[in-house]
Amino acid sequence: MGRRLAPITLDNLGALPARCRSCVFWELDPVRGEAAVREGRAAAEKESWISAVLLEWGSCGRIVYVDDIPVGFALYAPAAYVPRSLAFPTSPVAPDAVQLMTGWLLPAYRGQGLGRVLVQTVAKDLLRRDFRAVEAFGDARWRDAACLLPADHLLAVGFKTVRPHRHYPRLRLELRATLSWKEDMEQALDRLLGAVKKDPVPRPL
């Protein structure tokens, strides 16, 4: 099974699920977002937002492909580019963090570690850009695919609650912590390979 991750661009935006390509929940404030949906401009607004963030800030998302099939994505940006973030009772996002806005995986590919891989890839990108953390507004009552990520999933991949709320807690992942994930996995792999691939002992003639 071949797996690869690619930055989201205008060229591959069509790889996102149709409902996500025209969703502007995070990208516009509530009033402008509702107007864009009502007037049929949501998809164009989404494309315009992606274009502006790419030009002004840089990469703002990742798509994960399995055997060249897009099976999931993650979208992120500084809170200044995410007007909806100010509408949450646990806002604002800390100034040293980037907001993980949303993400999604095809149901058939969940439970295989791809969610963690997406988060690690986002973390690696942000570390190179000198950010300290990534934060997200979780949904503590998540039941189905939506614009918010389930709080339980965020906790499972290493986030910690920094501002509790019965419905919309704000969670934070210190990016340096992701380095230890990589180191731990590499050390475990080294131990495994060391146990399996020991140098052969010469046999007496």
Protein backbone atom coordinates (compact mmCIF):
# COMPACT_ATOMS: atom_id res chain seq x y z
CA MET A 1 0.00 0.00 0.00
CA GLY A 2 1.69 3.21 -1.20
CA ARG A 3 1.16 6.27 0.96
CA ARG A 4 2.18 9.86 0.32
CA LEU A 5 1.29 13.31 1.58
CA ALA A 6 1.12 16.44 -0.55
CA PRO A 7 0.57 20.13 0.26
CA ILE A 8 -2.87 21.48 -0.61
CA THR A 9 -2.73 23.82 -3.60
CA LEU A 10 -5.23 25.24 -6.07
CA ASP A 11 -4.26 22.41 -8.43
CA ASN A 12 -5.29 19.60 -6.09
CA LEU A 13 -8.09 21.33 -4.18
CA GLY A 14 -10.49 19.16 -6.18
CA ALA A 15 -9.17 16.12 -4.30
CA LEU A 16 -11.03 17.26 -1.19
CA PRO A 17 -14.56 15.88 -0.64
CA ALA A 18 -17.17 17.98 -2.45
CA ARG A 19 -18.75 19.26 0.74
CA CYS A 20 -15.32 20.39 2.02
CA ARG A 21 -14.40 22.17 -1.22
CA SER A 22 -17.38 24.47 -0.74
CA CYS A 23 -17.27 24.77 3.05
CA VAL A 24 -16.27 28.18 4.40
CA PHE A 25 -17.11 27.56 8.05
CA TRP A 26 -13.62 28.57 9.20
CA GLU A 27 -12.56 30.78 6.33
CA LEU A 28 -15.27 33.46 6.73
CA ASP A 29 -16.98 35.00 9.72
CA PRO A 30 -20.51 33.65 10.42
CA VAL A 31 -22.36 36.45 8.63
CA ARG A 32 -20.22 36.41 5.48
CA GLY A 33 -20.15 32.62 5.48
CA GLU A 34 -23.92 32.32 5.55
CA ALA A 35 -24.21 34.91 2.78
CA ALA A 36 -21.69 33.03 0.60
CA VAL A 37 -23.60 29.77 0.99
CA ARG A 38 -26.94 31.45 0.34
CA GLU A 39 -25.66 33.15 -2.80
CA GLY A 40 -23.82 30.10 -4.16
CA ARG A 41 -20.35 31.67 -3.76
CA ALA A 42 -18.94 29.30 -1.15
CA ALA A 43 -16.70 27.26 -3.48
CA ALA A 44 -15.25 30.42 -5.04
CA GLU A 45 -14.66 31.92 -1.59
CA LYS A 46 -12.87 28.76 -0.50
CA GLU A 47 -10.57 28.90 -3.52
CA SER A 48 -9.92 32.58 -2.93
CA TRP A 49 -9.04 31.89 0.71
CA ILE A 50 -6.61 29.09 -0.18
CA SER A 51 -4.98 31.31 -2.81
CA ALA A 52 -4.57 34.25 -0.41
CA VAL A 53 -3.11 32.16 2.41
CA LEU A 54 -0.68 30.41 0.06
CA LEU A 55 0.54 33.74 -1.28
CA GLU A 56 0.75 35.58 2.04
CA TRP A 57 1.70 32.85 4.53
CA GLY A 58 2.52 29.64 2.70
CA SER A 59 1.39 26.02 2.85
CA CYS A 60 -1.87 25.62 4.78
CA GLY A 61 -2.89 22.00 4.34
CA ARG A 62 -1.95 18.44 3.52
CA ILE A 63 -3.70 15.70 1.55
CA VAL A 64 -2.91 12.06 2.24
CA TYR A 65 -3.03 9.65 -0.71
CA VAL A 66 -3.09 5.86 -0.50
CA ASP A 67 -2.26 4.18 -3.81
CA ASP A 68 -2.82 7.61 -5.45
CA ILE A 69 -6.36 7.84 -4.03
CA PRO A 70 -7.01 10.92 -1.84
CA VAL A 71 -8.30 9.53 1.45
CA GLY A 72 -7.97 12.46 3.84
CA PHE A 73 -6.70 15.94 4.52
CA ALA A 74 -5.86 18.51 7.20
CA LEU A 75 -6.19 22.28 6.94
CA TYR A 76 -4.35 24.79 9.16
CA ALA A 77 -3.43 28.47 9.35
CA PRO A 78 -2.68 31.25 11.85
CA ALA A 79 -5.81 32.44 13.62
CA ALA A 80 -5.58 35.79 11.81
CA TYR A 81 -6.69 33.93 8.67
CA VAL A 82 -9.48 32.07 10.49
CA PRO A 83 -12.27 34.55 11.34
CA ARG A 84 -14.60 31.91 12.77
CA SER A 85 -12.13 31.07 15.53
CA LEU A 86 -13.10 34.25 17.38
CA ALA A 87 -16.69 33.00 17.69
CA PHE A 88 -15.74 30.22 20.11
CA PRO A 89 -16.09 30.59 23.88
CA THR A 90 -12.56 29.20 24.38
CA SER A 91 -10.86 31.57 21.94
CA PRO A 92 -8.42 33.05 21.18
CA VAL A 93 -5.74 30.74 19.81
CA ALA A 94 -2.39 31.51 21.46
CA PRO A 95 -0.13 33.88 19.46
CA ASP A 96 2.69 31.31 19.29
CA ALA A 97 0.42 28.66 17.74
CA VAL A 98 -1.17 27.86 14.39
CA GLN A 99 -4.76 26.65 14.32
CA LEU A 100 -5.52 23.16 13.06
CA MET A 101 -8.86 24.05 11.53
CA THR A 102 -10.24 20.75 10.38
CA GLY A 103 -9.40 17.35 8.98
CA TRP A 104 -11.08 14.28 7.57
CA LEU A 105 -10.42 10.68 6.60
CA LEU A 106 -12.45 8.27 4.51
CA PRO A 107 -14.20 5.87 6.93
CA ALA A 108 -12.46 2.85 5.37
CA TYR A 109 -9.04 4.33 6.24
CA ARG A 110 -9.71 5.30 9.84
CA GLY A 111 -8.06 3.45 12.66
CA GLN A 112 -4.86 2.86 10.64
CA GLY A 113 -2.76 5.66 12.07
CA LEU A 114 -3.26 8.06 9.16
CA GLY A 115 -4.73 10.71 11.46
CA ARG A 116 -1.55 10.69 13.52
CA VAL A 117 0.56 10.80 10.35
CA LEU A 118 -1.34 13.89 9.18
CA VAL A 119 -0.79 15.63 12.53
CA GLN A 120 2.91 14.74 12.51
CA THR A 121 3.28 16.08 8.97
CA VAL A 122 1.60 19.35 9.94
CA ALA A 123 3.83 19.58 13.01
CA LYS A 124 6.97 19.01 10.96
CA ASP A 125 5.98 21.78 8.54
CA LEU A 126 5.28 24.24 11.36
CA LEU A 127 8.49 23.41 13.22
CA ARG A 128 10.46 24.39 10.13
CA ARG A 129 8.61 27.71 10.22
CA ASP A 130 9.52 28.36 13.87
CA PHE A 131 6.10 27.95 15.46
CA ARG A 132 5.91 26.45 18.94
CA ALA A 133 2.52 24.76 18.89
CA VAL A 134 -0.65 23.90 17.05
CA GLU A 135 -4.05 24.46 18.65
CA ALA A 136 -7.55 23.32 17.75
CA PHE A 137 -11.10 23.74 18.93
CA GLY A 138 -12.38 20.24 19.63
CA ASP A 139 -15.95 19.03 19.66
CA ALA A 140 -16.53 17.15 22.92
CA ARG A 141 -19.89 15.85 21.64
CA TRP A 142 -18.76 14.88 18.15
CA ARG A 143 -21.01 12.31 16.50
CA ASP A 144 -20.43 12.57 12.74
CA ALA A 145 -18.31 14.27 10.09
CA ALA A 146 -18.30 18.01 10.73
CA CYS A 147 -16.11 21.11 10.51
CA LEU A 148 -14.73 20.56 14.01
CA LEU A 149 -12.46 17.70 14.98
CA PRO A 150 -13.54 15.34 17.76
CA ALA A 151 -11.85 16.28 21.03
CA ASP A 152 -11.19 12.60 21.79
CA HIS A 153 -9.24 12.20 18.56
CA LEU A 154 -7.11 15.26 19.28
CA LEU A 155 -6.30 13.94 22.74
CA ALA A 156 -5.42 10.55 21.25
CA VAL A 157 -2.79 12.06 18.93
CA GLY A 158 -1.06 14.09 21.63
CA PHE A 159 -3.04 17.30 22.19
CA LYS A 160 -3.66 18.55 25.73
CA THR A 161 -6.61 20.62 26.89
CA VAL A 162 -5.57 24.21 27.61
CA ARG A 163 -9.02 25.70 28.08
CA PRO A 164 -11.78 23.28 29.06
CA HIS A 165 -15.37 23.62 27.89
CA ARG A 166 -18.26 21.17 27.98
CA HIS A 167 -18.68 21.42 24.22
CA TYR A 168 -15.76 23.29 22.59
CA PRO A 169 -12.51 22.80 24.51
CA ARG A 170 -9.37 24.38 23.09
CA LEU A 171 -6.51 21.91 22.82
CA ARG A 172 -2.81 22.37 22.19
CA LEU A 173 0.03 20.25 20.87
CA GLU A 174 3.56 21.39 21.68
CA LEU A 175 5.43 20.80 18.44
CA ARG A 176 8.62 19.65 20.15
CA ALA A 177 6.62 16.73 21.53
CA THR A 178 6.22 15.38 18.01
CA LEU A 179 9.99 15.02 17.75
CA SER A 180 9.88 12.51 20.60
CA TRP A 181 7.22 10.52 18.69
CA LYS A 182 9.62 10.24 15.77
CA GLU A 183 12.56 9.40 18.01
CA ASP A 184 10.55 6.81 19.94
CA MET A 185 9.41 5.14 16.70
CA GLU A 186 12.92 5.14 15.28
CA GLN A 187 14.35 3.68 18.48
CA ALA A 188 11.68 0.99 18.56
CA LEU A 189 12.42 0.15 14.92
CA ASP A 190 16.15 0.01 15.65
CA ARG A 191 15.53 -2.38 18.54
CA LEU A 192 13.29 -4.55 16.38
CA LEU A 193 15.76 -4.67 13.50
CA GLY A 194 18.60 -5.24 15.91
CA ALA A 195 16.80 -8.27 17.33
CA VAL A 196 15.96 -9.65 13.90
CA LYS A 197 19.07 -8.74 11.93
CA LYS A 198 21.93 -9.59 14.25
CA ASP A 199 25.25 -10.30 12.61
CA PRO A 200 25.49 -14.00 11.90
CA VAL A 201 27.71 -16.00 14.19
CA PRO A 202 30.46 -17.83 12.22
CA ARG A 203 29.93 -21.57 12.25
CA PRO A 204 32.91 -23.82 12.97
CA LEU A 205 34.30 -25.63 9.94
